[in-house]
Amino acid sequence: MSKKFVFAAMMAGIGFSPAPAAADDFIKGLAVGIIGGAIANQPKRRTTTVRRTTSSKPKYSAARAQNRETQTALNYFGFNAGSPDGVLGRKSRAAVTQYQVLMGYVASGQLTEFERNFLMTSYQRAQAGGATTATLIAQNPRGVQGLLLDYRDEQTGGVGARSALAGHYGLPPVIAQTVNEIAKSSDPTAEQLVNRHGFIQLADINGDGQTDYIIDTSVTGSAFWCSAQACTVRVFASTPEGYERNDFQAFNVTPAMFACTRGTCSKTNDGGTLMAAAPVPAPVPAPMPQQPQTQMAAVTVSTGGGTAPVPSAVPSVQAPQTAAVSGTAMPSFFGGGAAPERSLASHCNMVTLLTTTNGGYVTADTMTDPMAAMGEQMCFSRSYAMANGDVLVADLTGVTAEQISQQCAGFGTLLKDHVNAAALQPRVDVLRNVGQFVLGSGMAPAQLENTAMVCLSSGYKTDDMNAAVGSALVLVALGKAPYAELIGHHLSQGFGMPERADLSLAWYGQATEALDSGAKAVFGAGMPERVTLLKAAMGGLPGGAAPTAQPVQAGTAIPVFGSE
């Protein structure tokens, strides 16, 4: 009955609706009544509430995880991809482009499957290498990015490899080639020969401040290189154009047995010597003695409010020179010519060779000589500084490496007084004056920071210690405290400034304290054991008013290197 009544009511409503609006309202009300009645007529049931939770995992989690791995690998090799968040945005694409440019791929900003596989395989290999990887980074001119090139060249059999992976053992290519040549006709392998005592001897034979190499085949035990009278000895003398090879026959070789003028060498004792290289040039007659001459030289003296040039007679090279300073004659017995500065590049070649021979870097547990440990870490941080600068240089357009070198040399000249002061005054006084230089430069801090990083790299590459140390001072003054480690190294090792291990402690301390406080490491990121080693070595070092800050000289421009 109820169903018939409802149906009749519906029909009546449809058939006699006075207006469309009223009909709509009626139908809606009817529908609500029917639904409500159906619910009311349902038997009572026990109801339960089911709560459903959804996972907060982001979409495409597998793809994002893969992207995070890519970003981590790019960051490790010095291509700044930003925080590894799994989103390959503008910064990550720029890092990919830099990676592609370095490797010679098409610079698209998008990784192909092959390019990504090579990147990830190289990263995993570097991580697994431990101390060996650190050694390869330190001995490679391009630092950590050089690993990629070495891995590539090893894989493809290319000739561009520069590390022990490609058979160079931390040696200059021409010398490593000789090692490989000798190893082909000897029982020991090339690696064994490099580690064999006396096979390679290092010395500065021609007095140019660069490392020369002596290779003695008598320690190979091979009859191929020796006769009953003598064995082949090869002396590689450094020149501005590269190393020149000189061949001899001798036994019981020592560096004192040879004398070199530039690239041409001879034995100091002629018994049984056979020269197979260029003949010894005829001796140059000694110059006739000249009478002492004088020339006017400007010497600056304090005038209370500044400095003023004072003419002073300076004798020539042939007589002891004196310079008038505040009315007191100061003798100089070296004719105004300074002895050739020690080459840090050459020194680091020697250090990395010894590191390779010793099987890796010194640690806090294995350290026996604190000065040697600091020297090793100096070359390590130098390699990182050059690699960090290369990342910035890759973003520069319209400027050549030679132009960068020239501008950075001028930058070093502006900072020379501050570099000299670092070996004389306490750290706080030096940084106060460098801070005044920074304020007087007229450059924005970020711009000056990039410039200093580029010139730090350039200075190390060209052995310009004023540019390198001066740039490090600027970076520390700008608040980049970890770079103070470099000043400590230069003071403790005596490169670019007099050796002052006592003053180095304050600089080392500033760097290690900053790292302990959470500052981002700029050398060997991800290697906390370095801080432990630095602290341990500091304990073994011997255990210092301020110059007027020099304004930027008129006509001398500070170079501007920046990247977006």
Protein backbone atom coordinates (compact mmCIF):
# COMPACT_ATOMS: atom_id res chain seq x y z
CA MET A 1 0.00 0.00 0.00
CA SER A 2 2.75 2.38 0.84
CA LYS A 3 4.45 1.83 -2.50
CA LYS A 4 1.20 2.48 -4.38
CA PHE A 5 0.62 5.63 -2.37
CA VAL A 6 4.03 6.97 -3.09
CA PHE A 7 3.75 6.15 -6.78
CA ALA A 8 0.33 7.84 -6.98
CA ALA A 9 1.66 10.88 -5.26
CA MET A 10 4.53 11.06 -7.75
CA MET A 11 2.23 10.80 -10.69
CA ALA A 12 -0.09 13.41 -9.25
CA GLY A 13 2.80 15.74 -8.69
CA ILE A 14 4.08 15.31 -12.21
CA GLY A 15 0.71 15.62 -13.83
CA PHE A 16 -0.47 18.68 -11.98
CA SER A 17 2.63 20.78 -11.41
CA PRO A 18 1.59 24.39 -11.68
CA ALA A 19 5.02 25.69 -12.59
CA PRO A 20 8.49 24.28 -13.40
CA ALA A 21 10.07 25.88 -10.33
CA ALA A 22 7.49 24.35 -7.98
CA ALA A 23 7.89 20.97 -9.65
CA ASP A 24 11.63 21.04 -9.13
CA ASP A 25 11.24 21.85 -5.46
CA PHE A 26 8.73 19.09 -5.03
CA ILE A 27 10.86 16.47 -6.74
CA LYS A 28 13.85 17.42 -4.65
CA GLY A 29 11.81 17.23 -1.47
CA LEU A 30 10.36 13.93 -2.53
CA ALA A 31 13.71 12.47 -3.28
CA VAL A 32 14.93 13.50 0.15
CA GLY A 33 11.86 11.91 1.72
CA ILE A 34 12.38 8.62 -0.10
CA ILE A 35 16.09 8.44 0.78
CA GLY A 36 15.35 9.40 4.36
CA GLY A 37 12.66 6.77 4.61
CA ALA A 38 14.95 4.11 3.21
CA ILE A 39 17.58 4.94 5.77
CA ALA A 40 15.01 4.98 8.58
CA ASN A 41 13.60 1.60 7.54
CA GLN A 42 17.02 -0.10 7.52
CA PRO A 43 17.63 -2.51 10.42
CA LYS A 44 19.88 -1.23 13.12
CA ARG A 45 23.44 -2.21 12.36
CA ARG A 46 26.57 -1.84 14.33
CA THR A 47 28.68 0.70 12.51
CA THR A 48 32.40 0.86 12.42
CA THR A 49 34.60 3.70 11.29
CA VAL A 50 37.35 2.78 8.89
CA ARG A 51 40.21 5.24 8.67
CA ARG A 52 42.40 5.05 5.70
CA THR A 53 45.87 6.57 5.69
CA THR A 54 47.76 7.39 2.57
CA SER A 55 51.51 7.27 2.22
CA SER A 56 53.32 10.59 2.08
CA LYS A 57 55.93 9.23 -0.27
CA PRO A 58 56.49 11.59 -3.16
CA LYS A 59 55.58 10.53 -6.60
CA TYR A 60 58.27 8.92 -8.70
CA SER A 61 60.37 8.18 -5.56
CA ALA A 62 62.65 5.86 -7.53
CA ALA A 63 63.43 8.60 -10.04
CA ARG A 64 64.07 11.13 -7.29
CA ALA A 65 66.38 8.73 -5.50
CA GLN A 66 68.33 8.31 -8.71
CA ASN A 67 68.50 12.09 -9.13
CA ARG A 68 69.81 12.47 -5.58
CA GLU A 69 72.58 10.00 -6.37
CA THR A 70 73.45 11.98 -9.49
CA GLN A 71 73.56 15.26 -7.54
CA THR A 72 75.77 13.70 -4.85
CA ALA A 73 78.23 12.45 -7.46
CA LEU A 74 78.30 15.81 -9.24
CA ASN A 75 79.01 17.61 -5.97
CA TYR A 76 81.81 15.19 -5.12
CA PHE A 77 83.60 15.89 -8.38
CA GLY A 78 83.37 19.64 -7.90
CA PHE A 79 80.29 20.39 -10.04
CA ASN A 80 77.98 22.32 -7.71
CA ALA A 81 74.53 20.76 -8.07
CA GLY A 82 73.25 22.19 -4.80
CA SER A 83 71.54 20.20 -2.08
CA PRO A 84 70.82 16.59 -3.20
CA ASP A 85 67.02 16.91 -3.14
CA GLY A 86 66.26 14.76 -6.16
CA VAL A 87 65.04 17.66 -8.27
CA LEU A 88 67.28 18.40 -11.24
CA GLY A 89 66.68 22.11 -11.45
CA ARG A 90 68.68 24.96 -12.93
CA LYS A 91 71.67 24.49 -10.65
CA SER A 92 71.83 20.77 -11.29
CA ARG A 93 71.56 21.25 -15.05
CA ALA A 94 74.42 23.75 -14.88
CA ALA A 95 76.50 21.17 -12.98
CA VAL A 96 75.67 18.54 -15.59
CA THR A 97 76.78 20.94 -18.32
CA GLN A 98 80.12 21.53 -16.57
CA TYR A 99 80.62 17.78 -16.27
CA GLN A 100 79.84 17.30 -19.94
CA VAL A 101 82.24 20.07 -20.98
CA LEU A 102 85.06 18.55 -18.92
CA MET A 103 84.51 15.10 -20.41
CA GLY A 104 84.11 16.30 -23.99
CA TYR A 105 80.45 15.35 -24.25
CA VAL A 106 77.71 17.41 -25.87
CA ALA A 107 76.89 20.17 -23.37
CA SER A 108 73.12 19.69 -23.23
CA GLY A 109 72.52 19.89 -19.49
CA GLN A 110 70.76 16.53 -19.70
CA LEU A 111 72.65 13.31 -18.95
CA THR A 112 72.50 10.44 -21.36
CA GLU A 113 72.37 6.95 -19.88
CA PHE A 114 76.05 6.39 -20.71
CA GLU A 115 77.13 9.72 -19.19
CA ARG A 116 75.26 9.04 -15.97
CA ASN A 117 76.54 5.47 -15.71
CA PHE A 118 80.13 6.66 -16.12
CA LEU A 119 79.60 9.41 -13.53
CA MET A 120 78.13 7.03 -10.96
CA THR A 121 80.70 4.29 -11.58
CA SER A 122 83.50 6.82 -11.15
CA TYR A 123 81.96 8.13 -7.92
CA GLN A 124 81.60 4.64 -6.46
CA ARG A 125 85.15 3.79 -7.48
CA ALA A 126 86.51 6.96 -5.89
CA GLN A 127 84.63 6.26 -2.67
CA ALA A 128 85.96 2.73 -2.50
CA GLY A 129 89.53 3.91 -3.15
CA GLY A 130 90.01 5.47 0.29
CA ALA A 131 93.57 6.70 0.82
CA THR A 132 94.52 5.76 -2.74
CA THR A 133 91.85 8.09 -4.08
CA ALA A 134 93.11 10.92 -1.87
CA THR A 135 96.62 10.37 -3.21
CA LEU A 136 95.45 10.50 -6.81
CA ILE A 137 93.51 13.70 -6.16
CA ALA A 138 96.53 15.37 -4.59
CA GLN A 139 98.93 14.48 -7.38
CA ASN A 140 96.58 15.44 -10.20
CA PRO A 141 96.84 19.02 -11.53
CA ARG A 142 93.02 19.21 -11.78
CA GLY A 143 92.41 17.75 -8.35
CA VAL A 144 89.26 15.70 -7.86
CA GLN A 145 88.01 16.43 -11.38
CA GLY A 146 91.20 14.94 -12.74
CA LEU A 147 89.99 11.57 -11.46
CA LEU A 148 87.21 11.60 -14.04
CA LEU A 149 89.71 12.24 -16.83
CA ASP A 150 92.01 9.52 -15.53
CA TYR A 151 89.17 7.02 -15.27
CA ARG A 152 88.07 7.92 -18.78
CA ASP A 153 91.56 7.62 -20.24
CA GLU A 154 92.13 4.32 -18.50
CA GLN A 155 88.86 3.01 -19.88
CA THR A 156 89.48 4.20 -23.43
CA GLY A 157 93.25 3.67 -23.54
CA GLY A 158 93.78 7.38 -24.23
CA VAL A 159 97.12 9.14 -23.91
CA GLY A 160 95.86 11.94 -21.71
CA ALA A 161 96.01 10.10 -18.39
CA ARG A 162 98.13 11.84 -15.83
CA SER A 163 98.01 9.71 -12.70
CA ALA A 164 99.26 6.39 -11.42
CA LEU A 165 96.18 4.83 -12.99
CA ALA A 166 97.68 5.51 -16.39
CA GLY A 167 101.22 4.61 -15.37
CA HIS A 168 102.53 8.04 -14.39
CA TYR A 169 103.06 7.35 -10.66
CA GLY A 170 102.94 11.04 -9.80
CA LEU A 171 105.85 11.78 -12.15
CA PRO A 172 106.06 14.20 -15.07
CA PRO A 173 104.93 12.38 -18.25
CA VAL A 174 108.35 12.27 -19.96
CA ILE A 175 109.93 10.68 -16.88
CA ALA A 176 107.06 8.24 -16.38
CA GLN A 177 107.47 7.21 -20.01
CA THR A 178 111.11 6.34 -19.33
CA VAL A 179 110.08 4.31 -16.27
CA ASN A 180 107.64 2.31 -18.37
CA GLU A 181 110.28 1.82 -21.06
CA ILE A 182 112.81 0.49 -18.56
CA ALA A 183 110.22 -1.77 -16.95
CA LYS A 184 109.57 -3.52 -20.28
CA SER A 185 113.13 -4.86 -20.25
CA SER A 186 113.30 -5.64 -16.52
CA ASP A 187 111.81 -8.24 -14.24
CA PRO A 188 110.35 -5.75 -11.73
CA THR A 189 107.19 -3.98 -12.77
CA ALA A 190 107.11 -0.23 -13.23
CA GLU A 191 105.30 0.17 -9.91
CA GLN A 192 107.96 -1.92 -8.16
CA LEU A 193 110.76 0.08 -9.75
CA VAL A 194 109.26 3.40 -8.65
CA ASN A 195 109.17 2.11 -5.08
CA ARG A 196 112.69 0.64 -5.21
CA HIS A 197 115.27 2.63 -3.29
CA GLY A 198 117.74 4.49 -5.51
CA PHE A 199 115.91 3.97 -8.79
CA ILE A 200 114.65 7.58 -8.89
CA GLN A 201 116.63 10.31 -7.15
CA LEU A 202 115.35 13.86 -6.80
CA ALA A 203 117.53 16.97 -6.66
CA ASP A 204 117.77 20.53 -7.98
CA ILE A 205 120.91 20.02 -10.06
CA ASN A 206 120.79 23.11 -12.26
CA GLY A 207 119.83 25.49 -9.45
CA ASP A 208 116.61 26.80 -10.98
CA GLY A 209 114.44 25.91 -8.00
CA GLN A 210 112.75 23.04 -9.88
CA THR A 211 113.05 19.32 -9.19
CA ASP A 212 115.39 17.38 -11.47
CA TYR A 213 115.23 13.60 -11.76
CA ILE A 214 117.96 10.95 -11.93
CA ILE A 215 117.02 7.41 -13.01
CA ASP A 216 119.59 4.72 -12.21
CA THR A 217 118.98 1.42 -14.02
CA SER A 218 121.59 -0.42 -11.93
CA VAL A 219 118.90 -1.18 -9.33
CA THR A 220 116.74 -3.01 -11.89
CA GLY A 221 118.94 -6.11 -11.88
CA SER A 222 118.58 -6.30 -15.64
CA ALA A 223 121.57 -7.06 -17.87
CA PHE A 224 119.77 -5.24 -20.67
CA TRP A 225 120.63 -1.84 -19.15
CA CYS A 226 124.03 -2.68 -17.68
CA SER A 227 127.42 -3.83 -18.88
CA ALA A 228 130.37 -5.10 -16.85
CA GLN A 229 131.63 -1.51 -16.50
CA ALA A 230 128.51 0.63 -15.91
CA CYS A 231 124.73 0.96 -16.21
CA THR A 232 122.57 3.47 -18.02
CA VAL A 233 121.74 6.60 -16.08
CA ARG A 234 119.27 9.18 -17.30
CA VAL A 235 119.25 12.70 -15.90
CA PHE A 236 116.21 14.87 -16.58
CA ALA A 237 116.95 18.57 -16.08
CA SER A 238 114.11 21.06 -15.85
CA THR A 239 113.81 23.99 -18.23
CA PRO A 240 111.01 26.49 -18.87
CA GLU A 241 110.11 24.44 -21.93
CA GLY A 242 110.03 21.11 -20.07
CA TYR A 243 112.52 18.41 -19.09
CA GLU A 244 115.62 17.65 -21.18
CA ARG A 245 117.09 14.16 -21.01
CA ASN A 246 120.80 13.45 -20.65
CA ASP A 247 122.15 9.87 -20.87
CA PHE A 248 125.24 8.57 -19.08
CA GLN A 249 126.96 5.30 -18.17
CA ALA A 250 127.88 5.10 -14.47
CA PHE A 251 127.73 3.14 -11.21
CA ASN A 252 126.76 4.20 -7.67
CA VAL A 253 124.99 7.33 -8.83
CA THR A 254 124.43 10.37 -6.62
CA PRO A 255 123.18 13.86 -7.56
CA ALA A 256 126.60 15.30 -6.69
CA MET A 257 128.07 13.44 -9.68
CA PHE A 258 126.31 15.75 -12.14
CA ALA A 259 126.33 19.44 -13.02
CA CYS A 260 123.66 20.97 -15.24
CA THR A 261 123.32 24.31 -16.97
CA ARG A 262 119.66 24.64 -17.80
CA GLY A 263 118.87 21.39 -19.62
CA THR A 264 122.43 20.33 -20.49
CA CYS A 265 124.24 18.15 -17.95
CA SER A 266 127.72 16.68 -17.52
CA LYS A 267 129.47 14.53 -14.97
CA THR A 268 131.67 16.23 -12.44
CA ASN A 269 134.26 13.42 -12.71
CA ASP A 270 135.13 12.22 -16.19
CA GLY A 271 136.33 8.71 -15.44
CA GLY A 272 134.63 6.33 -17.82
CA THR A 273 131.83 8.69 -18.68
CA LEU A 274 130.01 8.42 -21.96
CA MET A 275 127.66 11.25 -22.83
CA ALA A 276 124.88 10.24 -25.17
CA ALA A 277 122.96 13.47 -25.20
CA ALA A 278 123.76 16.96 -26.33
CA PRO A 279 127.47 17.87 -26.11
CA VAL A 280 128.64 20.05 -23.30
CA PRO A 281 128.84 23.65 -24.50
CA ALA A 282 132.18 25.40 -24.53
CA PRO A 283 132.90 27.20 -21.30
CA VAL A 284 131.88 30.81 -21.27
CA PRO A 285 134.80 33.12 -20.41
CA ALA A 286 134.38 34.94 -17.14
CA PRO A 287 133.37 38.59 -17.55
CA MET A 288 135.99 41.23 -17.02
CA PRO A 289 135.71 42.89 -13.64
CA GLN A 290 133.98 46.23 -13.75
CA GLN A 291 134.27 49.25 -11.56
CA PRO A 292 131.49 49.77 -9.08
CA GLN A 293 128.71 51.89 -10.50
CA THR A 294 125.86 53.63 -8.82
CA GLN A 295 122.30 54.38 -9.77
CA MET A 296 119.52 56.26 -8.08
CA ALA A 297 116.84 54.13 -6.42
CA ALA A 298 113.75 55.34 -4.62
CA VAL A 299 113.56 54.26 -1.00
CA THR A 300 110.42 55.08 0.95
CA VAL A 301 110.69 56.32 4.51
CA SER A 302 108.05 57.24 7.03
CA THR A 303 107.03 60.91 7.12
CA GLY A 304 104.52 60.68 9.92
CA GLY A 305 101.40 60.96 7.79
CA GLY A 306 102.51 58.57 5.06
CA THR A 307 105.51 57.67 3.00
CA ALA A 308 107.69 59.65 0.66
CA PRO A 309 110.33 58.54 -1.81
CA VAL A 310 113.88 59.44 -0.88
CA PRO A 311 116.61 59.14 -3.52
CA SER A 312 119.45 56.87 -2.49
CA ALA A 313 122.60 55.79 -4.25
CA VAL A 314 122.55 52.02 -4.70
CA PRO A 315 125.81 50.41 -5.87
CA SER A 316 125.67 47.97 -8.76
CA VAL A 317 125.99 44.19 -8.66
CA GLN A 318 129.77 44.24 -8.56
CA ALA A 319 130.01 45.80 -5.08
CA PRO A 320 128.13 45.29 -1.82
CA GLN A 321 124.99 47.41 -1.96
CA THR A 322 123.60 49.64 0.72
CA ALA A 323 120.17 51.17 0.99
CA ALA A 324 119.61 54.31 3.06
CA VAL A 325 116.81 53.73 5.56
CA SER A 326 116.27 56.49 8.10
CA GLY A 327 119.86 57.60 7.61
CA THR A 328 121.35 54.16 8.39
CA ALA A 329 123.22 52.23 5.72
CA MET A 330 122.06 48.62 5.50
CA PRO A 331 124.53 46.35 3.72
CA SER A 332 123.45 43.93 1.02
CA PHE A 333 125.95 41.42 -0.30
CA PHE A 334 123.85 39.79 -2.99
CA GLY A 335 123.87 42.51 -5.64
CA GLY A 336 120.15 43.14 -5.55
CA GLY A 337 119.48 39.77 -7.11
CA ALA A 338 117.45 37.35 -5.00
CA ALA A 339 118.10 33.65 -4.97
CA PRO A 340 115.51 31.73 -7.00
CA GLU A 341 112.39 31.10 -4.94
CA ARG A 342 111.55 27.56 -4.06
CA SER A 343 108.99 26.16 -6.44
CA LEU A 344 105.91 24.89 -4.63
CA ALA A 345 104.81 23.02 -7.75
CA SER A 346 108.13 21.19 -7.90
CA HIS A 347 108.04 20.53 -4.17
CA CYS A 348 104.55 19.04 -4.42
CA ASN A 349 105.67 16.78 -7.27
CA MET A 350 108.28 15.39 -4.93
CA VAL A 351 105.84 15.11 -2.04
CA THR A 352 103.23 13.24 -4.06
CA LEU A 353 105.89 10.86 -5.34
CA LEU A 354 106.91 10.09 -1.76
CA THR A 355 103.27 9.75 -0.75
CA THR A 356 102.72 7.24 -3.52
CA THR A 357 105.88 5.36 -2.52
CA ASN A 358 104.73 5.24 1.11
CA GLY A 359 101.37 3.81 0.12
CA GLY A 360 99.20 6.80 0.98
CA TYR A 361 98.90 9.85 3.18
CA VAL A 362 100.23 10.10 6.70
CA THR A 363 97.50 9.82 9.33
CA ALA A 364 97.39 10.95 12.96
CA ASP A 365 98.19 7.36 13.98
CA THR A 366 101.14 6.89 11.60
CA MET A 367 102.66 10.40 11.87
CA THR A 368 106.29 10.57 13.00
CA ASP A 369 107.31 13.95 11.54
CA PRO A 370 104.76 16.78 12.07
CA MET A 371 106.50 19.11 9.59
CA ALA A 372 106.45 16.45 6.87
CA ALA A 373 102.79 15.72 7.59
CA MET A 374 101.92 19.42 7.25
CA GLY A 375 103.89 19.59 4.00
CA GLU A 376 101.90 16.68 2.63
CA GLN A 377 98.63 18.33 3.63
CA MET A 378 99.80 21.61 2.06
CA CYS A 379 100.09 19.93 -1.34
CA PHE A 380 96.76 18.19 -0.78
CA SER A 381 94.94 21.47 -0.05
CA ARG A 382 96.75 23.15 -2.96
CA SER A 383 95.25 20.59 -5.34
CA TYR A 384 91.77 21.20 -3.97
CA ALA A 385 92.20 24.97 -4.25
CA MET A 386 93.15 24.63 -7.92
CA ALA A 387 90.17 22.37 -8.59
CA ASN A 388 87.76 24.77 -6.84
CA GLY A 389 89.08 27.63 -8.94
CA ASP A 390 88.65 25.60 -12.11
CA VAL A 391 84.94 25.24 -11.36
CA LEU A 392 84.57 29.03 -11.31
CA VAL A 393 86.75 29.54 -14.37
CA ALA A 394 84.55 27.12 -16.31
CA ASP A 395 81.71 29.64 -15.95
CA LEU A 396 83.74 32.55 -17.25
CA THR A 397 83.33 33.59 -20.86
CA GLY A 398 85.44 35.86 -22.99
CA VAL A 399 88.61 35.51 -20.90
CA THR A 400 91.63 33.29 -21.52
CA ALA A 401 93.81 31.48 -19.00
CA GLU A 402 96.68 33.80 -19.86
CA GLN A 403 94.55 36.87 -19.17
CA ILE A 404 93.47 35.42 -15.84
CA SER A 405 97.09 34.73 -14.94
CA GLN A 406 98.14 38.27 -15.81
CA GLN A 407 95.32 39.90 -13.85
CA CYS A 408 95.90 37.66 -10.86
CA ALA A 409 99.60 38.53 -10.91
CA GLY A 410 98.56 42.17 -10.51
CA PHE A 411 96.22 41.16 -7.69
CA GLY A 412 99.15 39.47 -5.98
CA THR A 413 101.24 42.63 -6.34
CA LEU A 414 98.55 44.63 -4.53
CA LEU A 415 98.61 42.13 -1.68
CA LYS A 416 102.37 41.65 -1.46
CA ASP A 417 102.81 43.84 1.62
CA HIS A 418 100.13 41.91 3.46
CA VAL A 419 101.75 38.60 2.52
CA ASN A 420 105.06 39.84 3.89
CA ALA A 421 103.37 41.08 7.05
CA ALA A 422 101.93 37.62 7.74
CA ALA A 423 105.46 36.43 8.54
CA LEU A 424 106.08 39.33 10.93
CA GLN A 425 102.87 40.25 12.75
CA PRO A 426 100.25 38.32 14.72
CA ARG A 427 97.29 36.94 12.80
CA VAL A 428 94.75 39.45 14.19
CA ASP A 429 96.84 42.41 13.06
CA VAL A 430 97.34 40.97 9.59
CA LEU A 431 93.63 40.29 9.13
CA ARG A 432 92.74 43.78 10.36
CA ASN A 433 94.85 45.31 7.61
CA VAL A 434 93.62 42.89 4.96
CA GLY A 435 90.08 43.80 6.02
CA GLN A 436 90.88 47.44 5.32
CA PHE A 437 92.16 46.40 1.90
CA VAL A 438 88.88 44.60 1.28
CA LEU A 439 86.86 47.66 2.29
CA GLY A 440 88.98 49.89 0.07
CA SER A 441 88.67 47.63 -2.95
CA GLY A 442 85.18 48.86 -3.79
CA MET A 443 84.04 45.35 -4.70
CA ALA A 444 81.05 43.49 -3.31
CA PRO A 445 82.09 40.71 -0.91
CA ALA A 446 80.68 37.92 -3.10
CA GLN A 447 82.46 39.32 -6.15
CA LEU A 448 85.74 39.67 -4.29
CA GLU A 449 85.37 36.14 -2.91
CA ASN A 450 85.03 34.65 -6.40
CA THR A 451 87.96 36.73 -7.60
CA ALA A 452 90.13 35.53 -4.71
CA MET A 453 89.22 31.88 -5.38
CA VAL A 454 90.14 32.23 -9.06
CA CYS A 455 93.44 33.95 -8.23
CA LEU A 456 94.23 31.40 -5.52
CA SER A 457 93.98 28.68 -8.15
CA SER A 458 95.90 30.72 -10.74
CA GLY A 459 98.63 31.60 -8.24
CA TYR A 460 99.23 27.97 -7.40
CA LYS A 461 99.26 26.94 -11.04
CA THR A 462 101.82 29.59 -11.97
CA ASP A 463 103.84 29.37 -8.74
CA ASP A 464 102.95 33.01 -7.95
CA MET A 465 102.99 32.93 -4.17
CA ASN A 466 101.91 36.56 -3.77
CA ALA A 467 98.75 35.83 -5.75
CA ALA A 468 98.10 32.54 -3.96
CA VAL A 469 98.84 33.58 -0.37
CA GLY A 470 97.31 37.03 -0.86
CA SER A 471 94.10 35.49 -2.19
CA ALA A 472 93.96 33.15 0.80
CA LEU A 473 94.33 36.13 3.14
CA VAL A 474 91.43 37.89 1.41
CA LEU A 475 89.23 34.82 1.73
CA VAL A 476 89.96 34.53 5.46
CA ALA A 477 89.24 38.25 5.92
CA LEU A 478 85.91 37.70 4.15
CA GLY A 479 84.95 35.15 6.79
CA LYS A 480 86.08 31.95 5.06
CA ALA A 481 88.04 30.70 8.07
CA PRO A 482 88.96 27.22 6.69
CA TYR A 483 91.28 28.95 4.18
CA ALA A 484 93.44 29.99 7.15
CA GLU A 485 94.93 26.50 6.88
CA LEU A 486 96.77 27.63 3.75
CA ILE A 487 98.43 30.54 5.56
CA GLY A 488 99.53 28.13 8.26
CA HIS A 489 101.04 25.82 5.65
CA HIS A 490 102.98 28.60 3.94
CA LEU A 491 104.35 29.80 7.26
CA SER A 492 105.31 26.36 8.54
CA GLN A 493 106.85 25.25 5.23
CA GLY A 494 108.40 28.56 4.13
CA PHE A 495 106.88 28.92 0.66
CA GLY A 496 106.23 32.51 -0.42
CA MET A 497 107.32 33.83 2.97
CA PRO A 498 109.96 33.14 5.59
CA GLU A 499 109.48 29.98 7.60
CA ARG A 500 107.65 30.87 10.84
CA ALA A 501 106.21 27.73 12.36
CA ASP A 502 105.47 29.65 15.56
CA LEU A 503 103.17 32.09 13.75
CA SER A 504 101.56 29.28 11.76
CA LEU A 505 99.86 27.89 14.88
CA ALA A 506 97.35 30.75 15.12
CA TRP A 507 96.31 30.26 11.48
CA TYR A 508 96.01 26.51 11.82
CA GLY A 509 94.01 27.06 14.99
CA GLN A 510 91.58 29.42 13.25
CA ALA A 511 90.92 26.86 10.52
CA THR A 512 90.48 23.84 12.81
CA GLU A 513 88.27 25.75 15.27
CA ALA A 514 86.02 26.84 12.39
CA LEU A 515 85.74 23.27 11.13
CA ASP A 516 84.96 22.00 14.62
CA SER A 517 82.21 24.62 14.83
CA GLY A 518 80.52 23.33 11.68
CA ALA A 519 82.09 25.46 8.95
CA LYS A 520 81.98 23.86 5.52
CA ALA A 521 85.28 22.23 4.63
CA VAL A 522 86.91 23.57 1.49
CA PHE A 523 89.67 20.95 1.32
CA GLY A 524 88.86 17.26 1.49
CA ALA A 525 85.18 17.63 2.31
CA GLY A 526 83.95 14.41 3.85
CA MET A 527 87.37 13.64 5.35
CA PRO A 528 87.04 14.58 9.06
CA GLU A 529 90.24 12.68 9.81
CA ARG A 530 92.17 15.58 8.26
CA VAL A 531 91.21 17.84 11.18
CA THR A 532 92.46 15.21 13.61
CA LEU A 533 95.76 15.02 11.72
CA LEU A 534 96.16 18.82 11.62
CA LYS A 535 95.61 19.07 15.36
CA ALA A 536 98.08 16.28 16.05
CA ALA A 537 100.71 17.85 13.81
CA MET A 538 100.19 21.28 15.41
CA GLY A 539 101.27 19.78 18.71
CA GLY A 540 104.65 18.93 17.20
CA LEU A 541 105.39 22.38 15.75
CA PRO A 542 107.65 24.80 17.65
CA GLY A 543 105.68 27.19 19.90
CA GLY A 544 104.58 36.68 17.20
CA ALA A 545 103.19 46.85 15.01
CA ALA A 546 101.04 46.07 12.15
CA PRO A 547 101.80 47.65 8.77
CA THR A 548 99.60 50.40 7.48
CA ALA A 549 96.97 48.99 5.15
CA GLN A 550 97.97 49.82 1.63
CA PRO A 551 95.27 51.54 -0.41
CA VAL A 552 94.57 50.35 -3.90
CA GLN A 553 97.13 52.07 -6.07
CA ALA A 554 95.92 54.43 -8.71
CA GLY A 555 96.01 52.85 -12.13
CA THR A 556 96.09 49.31 -10.75
CA ALA A 557 92.79 47.52 -11.09
CA ILE A 558 91.66 44.56 -9.04
CA PRO A 559 90.54 41.81 -11.41
CA VAL A 560 86.86 40.91 -11.27
CA PHE A 561 85.98 37.25 -11.71
CA GLY A 562 82.41 36.28 -10.94
CA SER A 563 79.94 33.63 -11.92
CA GLU A 564 76.17 33.69 -11.89
